[in-house]
């Protein structure tokens, strides 16, 4: 009889955990769908999930870390602490989730750029660019090239800054983001005139 009691309690806990995982997954999907057009709404969802960490699922923890960093960046938080995005990098960098691995390295590279750790920033951004060749997204390639140009500009390597700014413009045009390409084109003379 006592064993039956333990089995019932265990089944209840497993069911409860399964329901929580489904709810977390739904919230992650919801935030991911909002992040481009409504990053402030995505951030509200992600902040509430982050208050519950660590989540029971390591993949969900990694996705939460990536999406939270991405939402903060899109809401103009200039992070200098890489502890959250490192969770995503550690999980995705050697996985076959190429898009998430690429974005994890990209956002960690941006954070390191904000910290003025230019050597590690450029290393991660170049790694992100290399991973981006494993899937087709010209907009992401443009953003990475633009970030690399910013790092090179910060260390007074104008030749490389111009090269990567030109690549950013090319990929923005390929992605159909003409207004972004124009901004990259405008920055090229600024870099060369410095």
C-alpha atoms as a PDB file:
ATOM      1  CA  UNK A   1       0.000   0.000   0.000  1.00  0.00           C
ATOM      2  CA  UNK A   2       2.843   2.353   0.859  1.00  0.00           C
ATOM      3  CA  UNK A   3       4.507   1.644  -2.496  1.00  0.00           C
ATOM      4  CA  UNK A   4       1.277   2.529  -4.300  1.00  0.00           C
ATOM      5  CA  UNK A   5       1.256   5.893  -2.504  1.00  0.00           C
ATOM      6  CA  UNK A   6       4.832   6.621  -3.676  1.00  0.00           C
ATOM      7  CA  UNK A   7       3.989   5.620  -7.238  1.00  0.00           C
ATOM      8  CA  UNK A   8       0.974   7.962  -7.284  1.00  0.00           C
ATOM      9  CA  UNK A   9       3.024  10.857  -5.880  1.00  0.00           C
ATOM     10  CA  UNK A  10       5.792  10.205  -8.405  1.00  0.00           C
ATOM     11  CA  UNK A  11       3.317  10.118 -11.310  1.00  0.00           C
ATOM     12  CA  UNK A  12       1.782  13.363 -10.093  1.00  0.00           C
ATOM     13  CA  UNK A  13       5.194  15.054  -9.965  1.00  0.00           C
ATOM     14  CA  UNK A  14       6.140  13.794 -13.435  1.00  0.00           C
ATOM     15  CA  UNK A  15       2.825  15.059 -14.842  1.00  0.00           C
ATOM     16  CA  UNK A  16       3.286  18.426 -13.129  1.00  0.00           C
ATOM     17  CA  UNK A  17       6.832  18.720 -14.508  1.00  0.00           C
ATOM     18  CA  UNK A  18       5.646  17.802 -18.008  1.00  0.00           C
ATOM     19  CA  UNK A  19       2.956  20.494 -17.890  1.00  0.00           C
ATOM     20  CA  UNK A  20       5.511  23.075 -16.762  1.00  0.00           C
ATOM     21  CA  UNK A  21       7.875  22.112 -19.624  1.00  0.00           C
ATOM     22  CA  UNK A  22       5.025  22.525 -22.138  1.00  0.00           C
ATOM     23  CA  UNK A  23       4.143  25.932 -20.710  1.00  0.00           C
ATOM     24  CA  UNK A  24       7.792  27.029 -20.845  1.00  0.00           C
ATOM     25  CA  UNK A  25       8.051  25.818 -24.446  1.00  0.00           C
ATOM     26  CA  UNK A  26       4.909  27.738 -25.414  1.00  0.00           C
ATOM     27  CA  UNK A  27       6.271  30.917 -23.819  1.00  0.00           C
ATOM     28  CA  UNK A  28       9.625  30.500 -25.575  1.00  0.00           C
ATOM     29  CA  UNK A  29       7.874  30.062 -28.929  1.00  0.00           C
ATOM     30  CA  UNK A  30       5.670  33.081 -28.203  1.00  0.00           C
ATOM     31  CA  UNK A  31       8.676  35.252 -27.305  1.00  0.00           C
ATOM     32  CA  UNK A  32      10.578  34.065 -30.376  1.00  0.00           C
ATOM     33  CA  UNK A  33       7.656  35.040 -32.607  1.00  0.00           C
ATOM     34  CA  UNK A  34       7.483  38.521 -31.027  1.00  0.00           C
ATOM     35  CA  UNK A  35      11.189  39.299 -30.867  1.00  0.00           C
ATOM     36  CA  UNK A  36      11.598  40.941 -34.294  1.00  0.00           C
ATOM     37  CA  UNK A  37       8.560  43.216 -34.357  1.00  0.00           C
ATOM     38  CA  UNK A  38       7.703  43.589 -30.650  1.00  0.00           C
ATOM     39  CA  UNK A  39      10.953  43.070 -28.729  1.00  0.00           C
ATOM     40  CA  UNK A  40       9.590  44.857 -25.655  1.00  0.00           C
ATOM     41  CA  UNK A  41       6.698  42.365 -25.425  1.00  0.00           C
ATOM     42  CA  UNK A  42       9.109  39.469 -25.952  1.00  0.00           C
ATOM     43  CA  UNK A  43      11.292  40.824 -23.152  1.00  0.00           C
ATOM     44  CA  UNK A  44       8.347  40.815 -20.718  1.00  0.00           C
ATOM     45  CA  UNK A  45       7.663  37.139 -21.477  1.00  0.00           C
ATOM     46  CA  UNK A  46      11.346  36.221 -21.238  1.00  0.00           C
ATOM     47  CA  UNK A  47      11.946  38.148 -18.013  1.00  0.00           C
ATOM     48  CA  UNK A  48       9.098  36.239 -16.364  1.00  0.00           C
ATOM     49  CA  UNK A  49      10.601  32.943 -17.543  1.00  0.00           C
ATOM     50  CA  UNK A  50      14.065  33.984 -16.404  1.00  0.00           C
ATOM     51  CA  UNK A  51      12.694  34.520 -12.890  1.00  0.00           C
ATOM     52  CA  UNK A  52      11.961  30.762 -12.842  1.00  0.00           C
ATOM     53  CA  UNK A  53      15.469  29.627 -13.822  1.00  0.00           C
ATOM     54  CA  UNK A  54      17.084  27.251 -13.874  1.00  0.00           C
ATOM     55  CA  UNK A  55      14.494  25.478 -15.966  1.00  0.00           C
ATOM     56  CA  UNK A  56      14.325  21.701 -15.827  1.00  0.00           C
ATOM     57  CA  UNK A  57      15.378  21.308 -19.463  1.00  0.00           C
ATOM     58  CA  UNK A  58      18.924  22.374 -20.468  1.00  0.00           C
ATOM     59  CA  UNK A  59      17.883  23.087 -24.077  1.00  0.00           C
ATOM     60  CA  UNK A  60      15.162  25.419 -22.810  1.00  0.00           C
ATOM     61  CA  UNK A  61      17.685  27.137 -20.519  1.00  0.00           C
ATOM     62  CA  UNK A  62      19.958  27.721 -23.514  1.00  0.00           C
ATOM     63  CA  UNK A  63      17.136  29.059 -25.699  1.00  0.00           C
ATOM     64  CA  UNK A  64      15.958  31.307 -22.897  1.00  0.00           C
ATOM     65  CA  UNK A  65      19.486  32.683 -22.470  1.00  0.00           C
ATOM     66  CA  UNK A  66      19.791  33.381 -26.209  1.00  0.00           C
ATOM     67  CA  UNK A  67      16.339  34.923 -26.588  1.00  0.00           C
ATOM     68  CA  UNK A  68      16.712  37.019 -23.438  1.00  0.00           C
ATOM     69  CA  UNK A  69      20.042  38.407 -24.663  1.00  0.00           C
ATOM     70  CA  UNK A  70      18.562  39.046 -28.107  1.00  0.00           C
ATOM     71  CA  UNK A  71      15.495  40.817 -26.659  1.00  0.00           C
ATOM     72  CA  UNK A  72      17.657  42.969 -24.404  1.00  0.00           C
ATOM     73  CA  UNK A  73      19.830  43.944 -27.359  1.00  0.00           C
ATOM     74  CA  UNK A  74      16.777  44.846 -29.456  1.00  0.00           C
ATOM     75  CA  UNK A  75      15.533  46.969 -26.537  1.00  0.00           C
ATOM     76  CA  UNK A  76      18.866  48.844 -26.473  1.00  0.00           C
ATOM     77  CA  UNK A  77      20.311  47.322 -23.327  1.00  0.00           C
ATOM     78  CA  UNK A  78      24.054  47.477 -23.853  1.00  0.00           C
ATOM     79  CA  UNK A  79      25.096  44.413 -21.885  1.00  0.00           C
ATOM     80  CA  UNK A  80      28.621  44.009 -20.566  1.00  0.00           C
ATOM     81  CA  UNK A  81      27.961  40.842 -18.578  1.00  0.00           C
ATOM     82  CA  UNK A  82      28.245  37.697 -20.711  1.00  0.00           C
ATOM     83  CA  UNK A  83      27.105  35.192 -18.074  1.00  0.00           C
ATOM     84  CA  UNK A  84      23.604  34.715 -19.542  1.00  0.00           C
ATOM     85  CA  UNK A  85      24.636  34.370 -23.194  1.00  0.00           C
ATOM     86  CA  UNK A  86      27.471  32.028 -22.167  1.00  0.00           C
ATOM     87  CA  UNK A  87      24.794  29.477 -21.197  1.00  0.00           C
ATOM     88  CA  UNK A  88      23.559  29.500 -24.796  1.00  0.00           C
ATOM     89  CA  UNK A  89      27.079  29.478 -26.278  1.00  0.00           C
ATOM     90  CA  UNK A  90      28.137  26.530 -24.146  1.00  0.00           C
ATOM     91  CA  UNK A  91      25.056  24.563 -25.172  1.00  0.00           C
ATOM     92  CA  UNK A  92      24.812  25.401 -28.884  1.00  0.00           C
ATOM     93  CA  UNK A  93      28.341  25.979 -30.132  1.00  0.00           C
ATOM     94  CA  UNK A  94      29.084  22.303 -30.779  1.00  0.00           C
ATOM     95  CA  UNK A  95      25.537  21.348 -31.739  1.00  0.00           C
ATOM     96  CA  UNK A  96      23.760  21.055 -35.061  1.00  0.00           C
ATOM     97  CA  UNK A  97      21.446  23.948 -34.140  1.00  0.00           C
ATOM     98  CA  UNK A  98      23.441  26.156 -36.502  1.00  0.00           C
ATOM     99  CA  UNK A  99      21.173  29.206 -36.329  1.00  0.00           C
ATOM    100  CA  UNK A 100      21.185  29.228 -32.515  1.00  0.00           C
ATOM    101  CA  UNK A 101      24.935  28.547 -32.396  1.00  0.00           C
ATOM    102  CA  UNK A 102      25.545  31.405 -34.825  1.00  0.00           C
ATOM    103  CA  UNK A 103      23.322  33.815 -32.894  1.00  0.00           C
ATOM    104  CA  UNK A 104      24.839  32.794 -29.552  1.00  0.00           C
ATOM    105  CA  UNK A 105      28.353  33.571 -30.791  1.00  0.00           C
ATOM    106  CA  UNK A 106      27.116  36.783 -32.410  1.00  0.00           C
ATOM    107  CA  UNK A 107      25.462  38.139 -29.264  1.00  0.00           C
ATOM    108  CA  UNK A 108      28.348  37.099 -27.047  1.00  0.00           C
ATOM    109  CA  UNK A 109      30.648  38.886 -29.487  1.00  0.00           C
ATOM    110  CA  UNK A 110      28.501  42.030 -29.189  1.00  0.00           C
ATOM    111  CA  UNK A 111      28.634  41.895 -25.403  1.00  0.00           C
ATOM    112  CA  UNK A 112      32.407  41.508 -25.465  1.00  0.00           C
ATOM    113  CA  UNK A 113      32.563  44.461 -27.862  1.00  0.00           C
ATOM    114  CA  UNK A 114      30.586  46.499 -25.303  1.00  0.00           C
ATOM    115  CA  UNK A 115      33.178  45.435 -22.702  1.00  0.00           C
ATOM    116  CA  UNK A 116      35.920  46.612 -25.090  1.00  0.00           C
ATOM    117  CA  UNK A 117      37.364  43.099 -25.238  1.00  0.00           C
ATOM    118  CA  UNK A 118      37.991  43.465 -28.970  1.00  0.00           C
ATOM    119  CA  UNK A 119      40.157  40.373 -29.403  1.00  0.00           C
ATOM    120  CA  UNK A 120      37.552  37.966 -28.004  1.00  0.00           C
ATOM    121  CA  UNK A 121      34.761  39.913 -29.675  1.00  0.00           C
ATOM    122  CA  UNK A 122      36.271  39.562 -33.143  1.00  0.00           C
ATOM    123  CA  UNK A 123      37.072  35.883 -32.497  1.00  0.00           C
ATOM    124  CA  UNK A 124      33.430  35.131 -31.658  1.00  0.00           C
ATOM    125  CA  UNK A 125      32.024  37.264 -34.457  1.00  0.00           C
ATOM    126  CA  UNK A 126      34.252  35.512 -37.008  1.00  0.00           C
ATOM    127  CA  UNK A 127      33.168  32.163 -35.556  1.00  0.00           C
ATOM    128  CA  UNK A 128      29.559  33.289 -35.914  1.00  0.00           C
ATOM    129  CA  UNK A 129      30.221  34.240 -39.539  1.00  0.00           C
ATOM    130  CA  UNK A 130      31.738  30.817 -40.190  1.00  0.00           C
ATOM    131  CA  UNK A 131      28.703  29.061 -38.666  1.00  0.00           C
ATOM    132  CA  UNK A 132      26.355  31.260 -40.723  1.00  0.00           C
ATOM    133  CA  UNK A 133      27.644  29.519 -43.854  1.00  0.00           C
ATOM    134  CA  UNK A 134      25.844  26.358 -42.681  1.00  0.00           C
ATOM    135  CA  UNK A 135      22.391  27.889 -43.195  1.00  0.00           C
ATOM    136  CA  UNK A 136      20.975  30.505 -45.530  1.00  0.00           C
ATOM    137  CA  UNK A 137      20.121  33.839 -43.923  1.00  0.00           C
ATOM    138  CA  UNK A 138      21.562  36.915 -45.617  1.00  0.00           C
ATOM    139  CA  UNK A 139      20.197  39.275 -42.960  1.00  0.00           C
ATOM    140  CA  UNK A 140      22.122  37.506 -40.191  1.00  0.00           C
ATOM    141  CA  UNK A 141      25.275  37.532 -42.346  1.00  0.00           C
ATOM    142  CA  UNK A 142      24.817  41.263 -42.866  1.00  0.00           C
ATOM    143  CA  UNK A 143      24.439  41.912 -39.123  1.00  0.00           C
ATOM    144  CA  UNK A 144      27.565  39.870 -38.357  1.00  0.00           C
ATOM    145  CA  UNK A 145      29.626  41.663 -41.024  1.00  0.00           C
ATOM    146  CA  UNK A 146      28.418  45.001 -39.707  1.00  0.00           C
ATOM    147  CA  UNK A 147      29.451  44.077 -36.149  1.00  0.00           C
ATOM    148  CA  UNK A 148      32.873  42.928 -37.372  1.00  0.00           C
ATOM    149  CA  UNK A 149      33.282  46.259 -39.181  1.00  0.00           C
ATOM    150  CA  UNK A 150      32.454  48.091 -35.945  1.00  0.00           C
ATOM    151  CA  UNK A 151      35.125  46.163 -34.048  1.00  0.00           C
ATOM    152  CA  UNK A 152      37.754  46.842 -36.702  1.00  0.00           C
ATOM    153  CA  UNK A 153      36.798  50.499 -36.759  1.00  0.00           C
ATOM    154  CA  UNK A 154      37.208  50.633 -32.948  1.00  0.00           C
ATOM    155  CA  UNK A 155      40.773  49.325 -33.222  1.00  0.00           C
ATOM    156  CA  UNK A 156      41.599  51.727 -36.091  1.00  0.00           C
ATOM    157  CA  UNK A 157      41.855  49.042 -38.765  1.00  0.00           C
ATOM    158  CA  UNK A 158      39.989  51.029 -41.409  1.00  0.00           C
ATOM    159  CA  UNK A 159      40.881  48.722 -44.294  1.00  0.00           C
ATOM    160  CA  UNK A 160      39.151  45.747 -42.638  1.00  0.00           C
ATOM    161  CA  UNK A 161      36.313  47.968 -41.387  1.00  0.00           C
ATOM    162  CA  UNK A 162      35.584  49.076 -44.971  1.00  0.00           C
ATOM    163  CA  UNK A 163      35.809  45.494 -46.229  1.00  0.00           C
ATOM    164  CA  UNK A 164      33.280  44.167 -43.717  1.00  0.00           C
ATOM    165  CA  UNK A 165      31.000  47.221 -44.007  1.00  0.00           C
ATOM    166  CA  UNK A 166      30.886  46.614 -47.787  1.00  0.00           C
ATOM    167  CA  UNK A 167      30.008  42.954 -47.180  1.00  0.00           C
ATOM    168  CA  UNK A 168      27.277  44.020 -44.759  1.00  0.00           C
ATOM    169  CA  UNK A 169      25.776  46.260 -47.436  1.00  0.00           C
ATOM    170  CA  UNK A 170      25.921  43.415 -49.978  1.00  0.00           C
ATOM    171  CA  UNK A 171      24.123  40.981 -47.649  1.00  0.00           C
ATOM    172  CA  UNK A 172      21.517  43.572 -46.642  1.00  0.00           C
ATOM    173  CA  UNK A 173      20.736  44.048 -50.339  1.00  0.00           C
ATOM    174  CA  UNK A 174      20.516  40.277 -50.836  1.00  0.00           C
ATOM    175  CA  UNK A 175      18.131  40.092 -47.875  1.00  0.00           C
ATOM    176  CA  UNK A 176      15.947  42.785 -49.409  1.00  0.00           C
ATOM    177  CA  UNK A 177      16.760  45.261 -46.623  1.00  0.00           C
ATOM    178  CA  UNK A 178      17.620  48.241 -48.823  1.00  0.00           C
ATOM    179  CA  UNK A 179      17.317  50.798 -46.005  1.00  0.00           C
ATOM    180  CA  UNK A 180      19.871  48.879 -43.895  1.00  0.00           C
ATOM    181  CA  UNK A 181      22.171  48.676 -46.914  1.00  0.00           C
ATOM    182  CA  UNK A 182      21.949  52.439 -47.343  1.00  0.00           C
ATOM    183  CA  UNK A 183      23.044  52.981 -43.750  1.00  0.00           C
ATOM    184  CA  UNK A 184      25.998  50.650 -44.298  1.00  0.00           C
ATOM    185  CA  UNK A 185      26.884  52.490 -47.504  1.00  0.00           C
ATOM    186  CA  UNK A 186      26.767  55.834 -45.698  1.00  0.00           C
ATOM    187  CA  UNK A 187      29.120  54.489 -43.018  1.00  0.00           C
ATOM    188  CA  UNK A 188      31.753  53.412 -45.565  1.00  0.00           C
ATOM    189  CA  UNK A 189      32.929  56.974 -46.343  1.00  0.00           C
ATOM    190  CA  UNK A 190      32.947  57.736 -42.603  1.00  0.00           C
ATOM    191  CA  UNK A 191      35.285  54.814 -42.010  1.00  0.00           C
ATOM    192  CA  UNK A 192      37.568  55.668 -44.908  1.00  0.00           C
ATOM    193  CA  UNK A 193      37.688  59.334 -43.961  1.00  0.00           C
ATOM    194  CA  UNK A 194      38.886  58.650 -40.420  1.00  0.00           C
END
